[in-house]
């Protein structure tokens, strides 16, 4: 890739970013989203979070885990159970981390 191609790529990506981020500020009137779209957008953060976290739980170095002897599975199960029991974020984090550390340090998983 030449220097000019790199510069053109950077400028092009900058323009696309500027246009897409200012898309809702350009019109003079508020753009009304349909109710079905507004309802669907409520789940976007949850979907993005799941897309980041789930591969970390079930994969190791780009491959699915092959054994149940993985501390992440049990830590996830305990943290999920705690959340549904108490609905507290801090307890969820502490319980999952405690199980993860106990299995990794205590049993060497």
PDB file of N, CA and C in Angstrom:
ATOM      1  N   UNK A   1       0.847  -1.162   0.000  1.00  0.00           N
ATOM      2  CA  UNK A   1       0.000   0.000   0.000  1.00  0.00           C
ATOM      3  C   UNK A   1       0.902   1.238   0.000  1.00  0.00           C
ATOM      4  N   UNK A   2       0.612   2.133  -0.904  1.00  0.00           N
ATOM      5  CA  UNK A   2       1.429   3.337  -0.986  1.00  0.00           C
ATOM      6  C   UNK A   2       0.973   4.356   0.054  1.00  0.00           C
ATOM      7  N   UNK A   3       1.774   5.396   0.190  1.00  0.00           N
ATOM      8  CA  UNK A   3       1.451   6.460   1.152  1.00  0.00           C
ATOM      9  C   UNK A   3       0.141   7.141   0.785  1.00  0.00           C
ATOM     10  N   UNK A   4      -0.076   7.389  -0.497  1.00  0.00           N
ATOM     11  CA  UNK A   4      -1.302   8.068  -0.923  1.00  0.00           C
ATOM     12  C   UNK A   4      -2.533   7.215  -0.692  1.00  0.00           C
ATOM     13  N   UNK A   5      -2.413   5.934  -0.886  1.00  0.00           N
ATOM     14  CA  UNK A   5      -3.542   5.044  -0.607  1.00  0.00           C
ATOM     15  C   UNK A   5      -3.888   5.047   0.876  1.00  0.00           C
ATOM     16  N   UNK A   6      -2.860   5.054   1.729  1.00  0.00           N
ATOM     17  CA  UNK A   6      -3.089   5.103   3.175  1.00  0.00           C
ATOM     18  C   UNK A   6      -3.752   6.418   3.566  1.00  0.00           C
ATOM     19  N   UNK A   7      -3.269   7.531   3.010  1.00  0.00           N
ATOM     20  CA  UNK A   7      -3.869   8.831   3.310  1.00  0.00           C
ATOM     21  C   UNK A   7      -5.311   8.884   2.818  1.00  0.00           C
ATOM     22  N   UNK A   8      -5.548   8.394   1.612  1.00  0.00           N
ATOM     23  CA  UNK A   8      -6.908   8.368   1.078  1.00  0.00           C
ATOM     24  C   UNK A   8      -7.827   7.498   1.945  1.00  0.00           C
ATOM     25  N   UNK A   9      -7.331   6.372   2.411  1.00  0.00           N
ATOM     26  CA  UNK A   9      -8.118   5.503   3.289  1.00  0.00           C
ATOM     27  C   UNK A   9      -8.457   6.177   4.605  1.00  0.00           C
ATOM     28  N   UNK A  10      -7.491   6.861   5.205  1.00  0.00           N
ATOM     29  CA  UNK A  10      -7.718   7.558   6.474  1.00  0.00           C
ATOM     30  C   UNK A  10      -8.716   8.689   6.302  1.00  0.00           C
ATOM     31  N   UNK A  11      -8.543   9.484   5.259  1.00  0.00           N
ATOM     32  CA  UNK A  11      -9.469  10.592   5.011  1.00  0.00           C
ATOM     33  C   UNK A  11     -10.874  10.055   4.712  1.00  0.00           C
ATOM     34  N   UNK A  12     -10.961   8.996   3.918  1.00  0.00           N
ATOM     35  CA  UNK A  12     -12.257   8.406   3.603  1.00  0.00           C
ATOM     36  C   UNK A  12     -12.962   7.878   4.848  1.00  0.00           C
ATOM     37  N   UNK A  13     -12.232   7.177   5.708  1.00  0.00           N
ATOM     38  CA  UNK A  13     -12.833   6.678   6.945  1.00  0.00           C
ATOM     39  C   UNK A  13     -13.256   7.822   7.858  1.00  0.00           C
ATOM     40  N   UNK A  14     -12.455   8.897   7.879  1.00  0.00           N
ATOM     41  CA  UNK A  14     -12.823  10.067   8.676  1.00  0.00           C
ATOM     42  C   UNK A  14     -14.113  10.700   8.181  1.00  0.00           C
ATOM     43  N   UNK A  15     -14.245  10.838   6.852  1.00  0.00           N
ATOM     44  CA  UNK A  15     -15.474  11.412   6.294  1.00  0.00           C
ATOM     45  C   UNK A  15     -16.695  10.542   6.564  1.00  0.00           C
ATOM     46  N   UNK A  16     -16.542   9.243   6.405  1.00  0.00           N
ATOM     47  CA  UNK A  16     -17.658   8.338   6.677  1.00  0.00           C
ATOM     48  C   UNK A  16     -18.062   8.413   8.145  1.00  0.00           C
ATOM     49  N   UNK A  17     -17.077   8.470   9.036  1.00  0.00           N
ATOM     50  CA  UNK A  17     -17.378   8.597  10.457  1.00  0.00           C
ATOM     51  C   UNK A  17     -18.093   9.902  10.753  1.00  0.00           C
ATOM     52  N   UNK A  18     -17.631  11.001  10.169  1.00  0.00           N
ATOM     53  CA  UNK A  18     -18.251  12.307  10.383  1.00  0.00           C
ATOM     54  C   UNK A  18     -19.689  12.312   9.884  1.00  0.00           C
ATOM     55  N   UNK A  19     -19.923  11.769   8.715  1.00  0.00           N
ATOM     56  CA  UNK A  19     -21.270  11.770   8.141  1.00  0.00           C
ATOM     57  C   UNK A  19     -22.218  10.896   8.965  1.00  0.00           C
ATOM     58  N   UNK A  20     -21.770   9.699   9.330  1.00  0.00           N
ATOM     59  CA  UNK A  20     -22.671   8.804  10.070  1.00  0.00           C
ATOM     60  C   UNK A  20     -22.949   9.312  11.482  1.00  0.00           C
ATOM     61  N   UNK A  21     -21.990   9.952  12.110  1.00  0.00           N
ATOM     62  CA  UNK A  21     -22.230  10.460  13.463  1.00  0.00           C
ATOM     63  C   UNK A  21     -23.069  11.738  13.465  1.00  0.00           C
ATOM     64  N   UNK A  22     -23.022  12.493  12.396  1.00  0.00           N
ATOM     65  CA  UNK A  22     -23.796  13.740  12.359  1.00  0.00           C
ATOM     66  C   UNK A  22     -25.105  13.575  11.606  1.00  0.00           C
ATOM     67  N   UNK A  23     -25.440  12.350  11.210  1.00  0.00           N
ATOM     68  CA  UNK A  23     -26.641  12.094  10.419  1.00  0.00           C
ATOM     69  C   UNK A  23     -27.902  12.591  11.112  1.00  0.00           C
ATOM     70  N   UNK A  24     -27.983  12.415  12.433  1.00  0.00           N
ATOM     71  CA  UNK A  24     -29.187  12.820  13.149  1.00  0.00           C
ATOM     72  C   UNK A  24     -29.175  14.303  13.513  1.00  0.00           C
ATOM     73  N   UNK A  25     -28.068  15.004  13.311  1.00  0.00           N
ATOM     74  CA  UNK A  25     -28.022  16.435  13.610  1.00  0.00           C
ATOM     75  C   UNK A  25     -28.237  17.283  12.364  1.00  0.00           C
ATOM     76  N   UNK A  26     -28.151  16.707  11.184  1.00  0.00           N
ATOM     77  CA  UNK A  26     -28.298  17.460   9.936  1.00  0.00           C
ATOM     78  C   UNK A  26     -29.734  17.933   9.704  1.00  0.00           C
ATOM     79  N   UNK A  27     -30.758  17.078   9.857  1.00  0.00           N
ATOM     80  CA  UNK A  27     -32.125  17.538   9.580  1.00  0.00           C
ATOM     81  C   UNK A  27     -32.582  18.595  10.589  1.00  0.00           C
ATOM     82  N   UNK A  28     -33.459  19.492  10.131  1.00  0.00           N
ATOM     83  CA  UNK A  28     -33.966  20.545  11.006  1.00  0.00           C
ATOM     84  C   UNK A  28     -35.054  20.023  11.938  1.00  0.00           C
ATOM     85  N   UNK A  29     -35.759  18.987  11.512  1.00  0.00           N
ATOM     86  CA  UNK A  29     -36.822  18.413  12.326  1.00  0.00           C
ATOM     87  C   UNK A  29     -36.360  17.088  12.903  1.00  0.00           C
ATOM     88  N   UNK A  30     -36.922  16.740  14.043  1.00  0.00           N
ATOM     89  CA  UNK A  30     -36.574  15.475  14.674  1.00  0.00           C
ATOM     90  C   UNK A  30     -37.058  14.311  13.813  1.00  0.00           C
ATOM     91  N   UNK A  31     -36.192  13.329  13.663  1.00  0.00           N
ATOM     92  CA  UNK A  31     -36.554  12.143  12.895  1.00  0.00           C
ATOM     93  C   UNK A  31     -37.301  11.193  13.835  1.00  0.00           C
ATOM     94  N   UNK A  32     -38.500  10.851  13.460  1.00  0.00           N
ATOM     95  CA  UNK A  32     -39.332   9.976  14.292  1.00  0.00           C
ATOM     96  C   UNK A  32     -39.035   8.528  13.938  1.00  0.00           C
ATOM     97  N   UNK A  33     -38.584   7.769  14.933  1.00  0.00           N
ATOM     98  CA  UNK A  33     -38.327   6.348  14.734  1.00  0.00           C
ATOM     99  C   UNK A  33     -39.620   5.571  14.932  1.00  0.00           C
ATOM    100  N   UNK A  34     -39.851   4.561  14.126  1.00  0.00           N
ATOM    101  CA  UNK A  34     -41.029   3.722  14.350  1.00  0.00           C
ATOM    102  C   UNK A  34     -40.924   3.015  15.706  1.00  0.00           C
ATOM    103  N   UNK A  35     -42.070   2.702  16.271  1.00  0.00           N
ATOM    104  CA  UNK A  35     -42.080   2.061  17.587  1.00  0.00           C
ATOM    105  C   UNK A  35     -41.342   0.728  17.587  1.00  0.00           C
ATOM    106  N   UNK A  36     -41.466  -0.046  16.504  1.00  0.00           N
ATOM    107  CA  UNK A  36     -40.795  -1.339  16.457  1.00  0.00           C
ATOM    108  C   UNK A  36     -39.282  -1.176  16.465  1.00  0.00           C
ATOM    109  N   UNK A  37     -38.781  -0.097  15.844  1.00  0.00           N
ATOM    110  CA  UNK A  37     -37.335   0.136  15.825  1.00  0.00           C
ATOM    111  C   UNK A  37     -36.851   0.603  17.199  1.00  0.00           C
ATOM    112  N   UNK A  38     -37.617   1.480  17.833  1.00  0.00           N
ATOM    113  CA  UNK A  38     -37.263   1.958  19.164  1.00  0.00           C
ATOM    114  C   UNK A  38     -37.239   0.786  20.154  1.00  0.00           C
ATOM    115  N   UNK A  39     -38.226  -0.123  20.052  1.00  0.00           N
ATOM    116  CA  UNK A  39     -38.243  -1.296  20.922  1.00  0.00           C
ATOM    117  C   UNK A  39     -37.042  -2.200  20.646  1.00  0.00           C
ATOM    118  N   UNK A  40     -36.690  -2.352  19.387  1.00  0.00           N
ATOM    119  CA  UNK A  40     -35.545  -3.186  19.037  1.00  0.00           C
ATOM    120  C   UNK A  40     -34.224  -2.603  19.515  1.00  0.00           C
ATOM    121  N   UNK A  41     -34.102  -1.294  19.492  1.00  0.00           N
ATOM    122  CA  UNK A  41     -32.855  -0.650  19.915  1.00  0.00           C
ATOM    123  C   UNK A  41     -32.623  -0.748  21.420  1.00  0.00           C
ATOM    124  N   UNK A  42     -33.671  -1.046  22.167  1.00  0.00           N
ATOM    125  CA  UNK A  42     -33.489  -1.224  23.616  1.00  0.00           C
ATOM    126  C   UNK A  42     -32.603  -2.430  23.906  1.00  0.00           C
ATOM    127  N   UNK A  43     -32.600  -3.419  23.007  1.00  0.00           N
ATOM    128  CA  UNK A  43     -31.841  -4.643  23.229  1.00  0.00           C
ATOM    129  C   UNK A  43     -30.446  -4.599  22.615  1.00  0.00           C
ATOM    130  N   UNK A  44     -30.093  -3.546  21.945  1.00  0.00           N
ATOM    131  CA  UNK A  44     -28.782  -3.461  21.290  1.00  0.00           C
ATOM    132  C   UNK A  44     -27.622  -3.530  22.287  1.00  0.00           C
ATOM    133  N   UNK A  45     -27.645  -2.807  23.408  1.00  0.00           N
ATOM    134  CA  UNK A  45     -26.519  -2.929  24.348  1.00  0.00           C
ATOM    135  C   UNK A  45     -26.368  -4.338  24.907  1.00  0.00           C
ATOM    136  N   UNK A  46     -27.473  -4.998  25.205  1.00  0.00           N
ATOM    137  CA  UNK A  46     -27.411  -6.363  25.716  1.00  0.00           C
ATOM    138  C   UNK A  46     -26.836  -7.314  24.672  1.00  0.00           C
ATOM    139  N   UNK A  47     -27.236  -7.146  23.423  1.00  0.00           N
ATOM    140  CA  UNK A  47     -26.723  -7.994  22.351  1.00  0.00           C
ATOM    141  C   UNK A  47     -25.227  -7.768  22.145  1.00  0.00           C
ATOM    142  N   UNK A  48     -24.798  -6.516  22.210  1.00  0.00           N
ATOM    143  CA  UNK A  48     -23.368  -6.217  22.049  1.00  0.00           C
ATOM    144  C   UNK A  48     -22.561  -6.802  23.202  1.00  0.00           C
ATOM    145  N   UNK A  49     -23.081  -6.685  24.412  1.00  0.00           N
ATOM    146  CA  UNK A  49     -22.390  -7.250  25.570  1.00  0.00           C
ATOM    147  C   UNK A  49     -22.290  -8.767  25.466  1.00  0.00           C
ATOM    148  N   UNK A  50     -23.360  -9.410  25.059  1.00  0.00           N
ATOM    149  CA  UNK A  50     -23.340 -10.867  24.896  1.00  0.00           C
ATOM    150  C   UNK A  50     -22.357 -11.280  23.803  1.00  0.00           C
ATOM    151  N   UNK A  51     -22.273 -10.503  22.737  1.00  0.00           N
ATOM    152  CA  UNK A  51     -21.357 -10.827  21.646  1.00  0.00           C
ATOM    153  C   UNK A  51     -19.896 -10.738  22.082  1.00  0.00           C
ATOM    154  N   UNK A  52     -19.618  -9.938  23.088  1.00  0.00           N
ATOM    155  CA  UNK A  52     -18.244  -9.812  23.588  1.00  0.00           C
ATOM    156  C   UNK A  52     -17.961 -10.856  24.663  1.00  0.00           C
ATOM    157  N   UNK A  53     -18.914 -11.106  25.549  1.00  0.00           N
ATOM    158  CA  UNK A  53     -18.665 -11.960  26.711  1.00  0.00           C
ATOM    159  C   UNK A  53     -18.759 -13.453  26.389  1.00  0.00           C
ATOM    160  N   UNK A  54     -19.737 -13.874  25.625  1.00  0.00           N
ATOM    161  CA  UNK A  54     -19.946 -15.307  25.374  1.00  0.00           C
ATOM    162  C   UNK A  54     -18.719 -15.984  24.755  1.00  0.00           C
ATOM    163  N   UNK A  55     -18.077 -15.402  23.743  1.00  0.00           N
ATOM    164  CA  UNK A  55     -16.862 -16.063  23.230  1.00  0.00           C
ATOM    165  C   UNK A  55     -15.757 -16.187  24.278  1.00  0.00           C
ATOM    166  N   UNK A  56     -15.666 -15.241  25.200  1.00  0.00           N
ATOM    167  CA  UNK A  56     -14.655 -15.335  26.254  1.00  0.00           C
ATOM    168  C   UNK A  56     -14.942 -16.489  27.201  1.00  0.00           C
ATOM    169  N   UNK A  57     -16.209 -16.840  27.350  1.00  0.00           N
ATOM    170  CA  UNK A  57     -16.577 -17.916  28.270  1.00  0.00           C
ATOM    171  C   UNK A  57     -16.403 -19.282  27.628  1.00  0.00           C
ATOM    172  N   UNK A  58     -16.778 -19.438  26.390  1.00  0.00           N
ATOM    173  CA  UNK A  58     -16.824 -20.775  25.776  1.00  0.00           C
ATOM    174  C   UNK A  58     -15.672 -21.073  24.819  1.00  0.00           C
ATOM    175  N   UNK A  59     -14.750 -20.147  24.641  1.00  0.00           N
ATOM    176  CA  UNK A  59     -13.646 -20.377  23.707  1.00  0.00           C
ATOM    177  C   UNK A  59     -12.294 -20.139  24.364  1.00  0.00           C
ATOM    178  N   UNK A  60     -11.298 -20.869  23.885  1.00  0.00           N
ATOM    179  CA  UNK A  60      -9.910 -20.664  24.293  1.00  0.00           C
ATOM    180  C   UNK A  60      -9.053 -20.646  23.044  1.00  0.00           C
ATOM    181  N   UNK A  61      -8.369 -19.570  22.816  1.00  0.00           N
ATOM    182  CA  UNK A  61      -7.489 -19.379  21.665  1.00  0.00           C
ATOM    183  C   UNK A  61      -8.203 -19.692  20.348  1.00  0.00           C
ATOM    184  N   UNK A  62      -9.439 -19.197  20.221  1.00  0.00           N
ATOM    185  CA  UNK A  62     -10.184 -19.320  18.980  1.00  0.00           C
ATOM    186  C   UNK A  62     -10.890 -20.644  18.766  1.00  0.00           C
ATOM    187  N   UNK A  63     -10.839 -21.545  19.736  1.00  0.00           N
ATOM    188  CA  UNK A  63     -11.510 -22.838  19.616  1.00  0.00           C
ATOM    189  C   UNK A  63     -12.424 -23.047  20.811  1.00  0.00           C
ATOM    190  N   UNK A  64     -13.523 -23.777  20.576  1.00  0.00           N
ATOM    191  CA  UNK A  64     -14.417 -24.101  21.684  1.00  0.00           C
ATOM    192  C   UNK A  64     -13.686 -24.944  22.711  1.00  0.00           C
ATOM    193  N   UNK A  65     -14.023 -24.750  23.979  1.00  0.00           N
ATOM    194  CA  UNK A  65     -13.381 -25.546  25.024  1.00  0.00           C
ATOM    195  C   UNK A  65     -13.822 -26.994  24.886  1.00  0.00           C
ATOM    196  N   UNK A  66     -12.932 -27.918  25.237  1.00  0.00           N
ATOM    197  CA  UNK A  66     -13.187 -29.340  25.031  1.00  0.00           C
ATOM    198  C   UNK A  66     -13.484 -30.080  26.327  1.00  0.00           C
ATOM    199  N   UNK A  67     -13.472 -29.391  27.450  1.00  0.00           N
ATOM    200  CA  UNK A  67     -13.626 -30.066  28.730  1.00  0.00           C
ATOM    201  C   UNK A  67     -14.525 -29.249  29.654  1.00  0.00           C
ATOM    202  N   UNK A  68     -15.121 -29.949  30.607  1.00  0.00           N
ATOM    203  CA  UNK A  68     -15.910 -29.264  31.630  1.00  0.00           C
ATOM    204  C   UNK A  68     -15.009 -28.739  32.735  1.00  0.00           C
ATOM    205  N   UNK A  69     -13.739 -29.059  32.680  1.00  0.00           N
ATOM    206  CA  UNK A  69     -12.783 -28.646  33.709  1.00  0.00           C
ATOM    207  C   UNK A  69     -12.241 -27.253  33.379  1.00  0.00           C
ATOM    208  N   UNK A  70     -13.162 -26.312  33.281  1.00  0.00           N
ATOM    209  CA  UNK A  70     -12.815 -24.927  32.975  1.00  0.00           C
ATOM    210  C   UNK A  70     -13.494 -24.027  33.997  1.00  0.00           C
ATOM    211  N   UNK A  71     -12.714 -23.258  34.710  1.00  0.00           N
ATOM    212  CA  UNK A  71     -13.235 -22.444  35.804  1.00  0.00           C
ATOM    213  C   UNK A  71     -14.229 -21.393  35.322  1.00  0.00           C
ATOM    214  N   UNK A  72     -14.100 -20.955  34.083  1.00  0.00           N
ATOM    215  CA  UNK A  72     -15.002 -19.912  33.576  1.00  0.00           C
ATOM    216  C   UNK A  72     -16.449 -20.379  33.528  1.00  0.00           C
ATOM    217  N   UNK A  73     -16.669 -21.634  33.193  1.00  0.00           N
ATOM    218  CA  UNK A  73     -18.029 -22.161  33.123  1.00  0.00           C
ATOM    219  C   UNK A  73     -18.706 -22.139  34.489  1.00  0.00           C
ATOM    220  N   UNK A  74     -17.995 -22.602  35.511  1.00  0.00           N
ATOM    221  CA  UNK A  74     -18.569 -22.649  36.852  1.00  0.00           C
ATOM    222  C   UNK A  74     -18.712 -21.246  37.443  1.00  0.00           C
ATOM    223  N   UNK A  75     -17.759 -20.372  37.182  1.00  0.00           N
ATOM    224  CA  UNK A  75     -17.864 -18.996  37.662  1.00  0.00           C
ATOM    225  C   UNK A  75     -19.059 -18.296  37.022  1.00  0.00           C
ATOM    226  N   UNK A  76     -19.283 -18.542  35.749  1.00  0.00           N
ATOM    227  CA  UNK A  76     -20.427 -17.952  35.056  1.00  0.00           C
ATOM    228  C   UNK A  76     -21.734 -18.488  35.628  1.00  0.00           C
ATOM    229  N   UNK A  77     -21.796 -19.783  35.887  1.00  0.00           N
ATOM    230  CA  UNK A  77     -23.014 -20.380  36.447  1.00  0.00           C
ATOM    231  C   UNK A  77     -23.319 -19.821  37.832  1.00  0.00           C
ATOM    232  N   UNK A  78     -22.300 -19.700  38.681  1.00  0.00           N
ATOM    233  CA  UNK A  78     -22.503 -19.169  40.029  1.00  0.00           C
ATOM    234  C   UNK A  78     -22.900 -17.699  39.971  1.00  0.00           C
ATOM    235  N   UNK A  79     -22.239 -16.927  39.144  1.00  0.00           N
ATOM    236  CA  UNK A  79     -22.565 -15.499  39.040  1.00  0.00           C
ATOM    237  C   UNK A  79     -23.981 -15.303  38.505  1.00  0.00           C
ATOM    238  N   UNK A  80     -24.384 -16.100  37.524  1.00  0.00           N
ATOM    239  CA  UNK A  80     -25.739 -16.003  36.980  1.00  0.00           C
ATOM    240  C   UNK A  80     -26.773 -16.372  38.037  1.00  0.00           C
ATOM    241  N   UNK A  81     -26.514 -17.456  38.775  1.00  0.00           N
ATOM    242  CA  UNK A  81     -27.436 -17.872  39.831  1.00  0.00           C
ATOM    243  C   UNK A  81     -27.548 -16.797  40.905  1.00  0.00           C
ATOM    244  N   UNK A  82     -26.413 -16.212  41.294  1.00  0.00           N
ATOM    245  CA  UNK A  82     -26.448 -15.152  42.305  1.00  0.00           C
ATOM    246  C   UNK A  82     -27.251 -13.960  41.806  1.00  0.00           C
ATOM    247  N   UNK A  83     -27.067 -13.588  40.554  1.00  0.00           N
ATOM    248  CA  UNK A  83     -27.799 -12.430  40.034  1.00  0.00           C
ATOM    249  C   UNK A  83     -29.306 -12.677  40.057  1.00  0.00           C
ATOM    250  N   UNK A  84     -29.737 -13.861  39.645  1.00  0.00           N
ATOM    251  CA  UNK A  84     -31.176 -14.134  39.646  1.00  0.00           C
ATOM    252  C   UNK A  84     -31.732 -14.295  41.059  1.00  0.00           C
ATOM    253  N   UNK A  85     -30.863 -14.638  42.016  1.00  0.00           N
ATOM    254  CA  UNK A  85     -31.298 -14.781  43.395  1.00  0.00           C
ATOM    255  C   UNK A  85     -31.419 -13.433  44.083  1.00  0.00           C
ATOM    256  N   UNK A  86     -30.388 -12.575  43.956  1.00  0.00           N
ATOM    257  CA  UNK A  86     -30.344 -11.314  44.699  1.00  0.00           C
ATOM    258  C   UNK A  86     -30.490 -10.058  43.858  1.00  0.00           C
ATOM    259  N   UNK A  87     -30.295 -10.143  42.548  1.00  0.00           N
ATOM    260  CA  UNK A  87     -30.373  -8.988  41.636  1.00  0.00           C
ATOM    261  C   UNK A  87     -29.358  -7.892  41.973  1.00  0.00           C
ATOM    262  N   UNK A  88     -28.197  -8.282  42.449  1.00  0.00           N
ATOM    263  CA  UNK A  88     -27.162  -7.306  42.787  1.00  0.00           C
ATOM    264  C   UNK A  88     -25.936  -7.477  41.901  1.00  0.00           C
ATOM    265  N   UNK A  89     -25.459  -6.395  41.335  1.00  0.00           N
ATOM    266  CA  UNK A  89     -24.310  -6.455  40.432  1.00  0.00           C
ATOM    267  C   UNK A  89     -23.017  -6.747  41.190  1.00  0.00           C
ATOM    268  N   UNK A  90     -22.801  -6.069  42.309  1.00  0.00           N
ATOM    269  CA  UNK A  90     -21.553  -6.263  43.044  1.00  0.00           C
ATOM    270  C   UNK A  90     -21.420  -7.702  43.528  1.00  0.00           C
ATOM    271  N   UNK A  91     -22.479  -8.262  44.076  1.00  0.00           N
ATOM    272  CA  UNK A  91     -22.450  -9.653  44.525  1.00  0.00           C
ATOM    273  C   UNK A  91     -22.227 -10.619  43.385  1.00  0.00           C
ATOM    274  N   UNK A  92     -22.778 -10.298  42.232  1.00  0.00           N
ATOM    275  CA  UNK A  92     -22.580 -11.133  41.048  1.00  0.00           C
ATOM    276  C   UNK A  92     -21.108 -11.176  40.679  1.00  0.00           C
ATOM    277  N   UNK A  93     -20.485 -10.009  40.647  1.00  0.00           N
ATOM    278  CA  UNK A  93     -19.061  -9.937  40.308  1.00  0.00           C
ATOM    279  C   UNK A  93     -18.208 -10.651  41.352  1.00  0.00           C
ATOM    280  N   UNK A  94     -18.504 -10.417  42.622  1.00  0.00           N
ATOM    281  CA  UNK A  94     -17.707 -11.024  43.693  1.00  0.00           C
ATOM    282  C   UNK A  94     -17.869 -12.539  43.702  1.00  0.00           C
ATOM    283  N   UNK A  95     -19.095 -13.037  43.557  1.00  0.00           N
ATOM    284  CA  UNK A  95     -19.301 -14.487  43.603  1.00  0.00           C
ATOM    285  C   UNK A  95     -18.636 -15.181  42.404  1.00  0.00           C
ATOM    286  N   UNK A  96     -18.771 -14.623  41.223  1.00  0.00           N
ATOM    287  CA  UNK A  96     -18.129 -15.205  40.046  1.00  0.00           C
ATOM    288  C   UNK A  96     -16.620 -15.182  40.152  1.00  0.00           C
ATOM    289  N   UNK A  97     -16.088 -14.075  40.630  1.00  0.00           N
ATOM    290  CA  UNK A  97     -14.636 -13.960  40.785  1.00  0.00           C
ATOM    291  C   UNK A  97     -14.122 -14.911  41.855  1.00  0.00           C
ATOM    292  N   UNK A  98     -14.869 -15.070  42.948  1.00  0.00           N
ATOM    293  CA  UNK A  98     -14.443 -15.975  44.023  1.00  0.00           C
ATOM    294  C   UNK A  98     -14.378 -17.419  43.522  1.00  0.00           C
ATOM    295  N   UNK A  99     -15.380 -17.834  42.770  1.00  0.00           N
ATOM    296  CA  UNK A  99     -15.376 -19.203  42.232  1.00  0.00           C
ATOM    297  C   UNK A  99     -14.240 -19.374  41.225  1.00  0.00           C
ATOM    298  N   UNK A 100     -14.045 -18.373  40.389  1.00  0.00           N
ATOM    299  CA  UNK A 100     -12.965 -18.444  39.392  1.00  0.00           C
ATOM    300  C   UNK A 100     -11.605 -18.570  40.075  1.00  0.00           C
ATOM    301  N   UNK A 101     -11.358 -17.745  41.083  1.00  0.00           N
ATOM    302  CA  UNK A 101     -10.069 -17.797  41.788  1.00  0.00           C
ATOM    303  C   UNK A 101      -9.911 -19.106  42.554  1.00  0.00           C
ATOM    304  N   UNK A 102     -10.980 -19.567  43.191  1.00  0.00           N
ATOM    305  CA  UNK A 102     -10.892 -20.818  43.949  1.00  0.00           C
ATOM    306  C   UNK A 102     -10.550 -21.989  43.036  1.00  0.00           C
ATOM    307  N   UNK A 103     -11.166 -22.045  41.885  1.00  0.00           N
ATOM    308  CA  UNK A 103     -10.897 -23.153  40.961  1.00  0.00           C
ATOM    309  C   UNK A 103      -9.536 -23.032  40.285  1.00  0.00           C
ATOM    310  N   UNK A 104      -9.156 -21.808  39.946  1.00  0.00           N
ATOM    311  CA  UNK A 104      -7.861 -21.636  39.256  1.00  0.00           C
ATOM    312  C   UNK A 104      -6.683 -21.791  40.209  1.00  0.00           C
ATOM    313  N   UNK A 105      -6.775 -21.143  41.373  1.00  0.00           N
ATOM    314  CA  UNK A 105      -5.654 -21.206  42.313  1.00  0.00           C
ATOM    315  C   UNK A 105      -5.711 -22.485  43.140  1.00  0.00           C
ATOM    316  N   UNK A 106      -6.916 -22.813  43.631  1.00  0.00           N
ATOM    317  CA  UNK A 106      -7.055 -23.978  44.503  1.00  0.00           C
ATOM    318  C   UNK A 106      -6.883 -25.301  43.783  1.00  0.00           C
ATOM    319  N   UNK A 107      -7.527 -25.466  42.629  1.00  0.00           N
ATOM    320  CA  UNK A 107      -7.472 -26.731  41.904  1.00  0.00           C
ATOM    321  C   UNK A 107      -6.549 -26.701  40.680  1.00  0.00           C
ATOM    322  N   UNK A 108      -6.063 -25.523  40.340  1.00  0.00           N
ATOM    323  CA  UNK A 108      -5.137 -25.419  39.215  1.00  0.00           C
ATOM    324  C   UNK A 108      -5.791 -25.503  37.848  1.00  0.00           C
ATOM    325  N   UNK A 109      -7.072 -25.234  37.764  1.00  0.00           N
ATOM    326  CA  UNK A 109      -7.765 -25.283  36.482  1.00  0.00           C
ATOM    327  C   UNK A 109      -7.338 -24.106  35.694  1.00  0.00           C
TER     328      UNK A 109
END
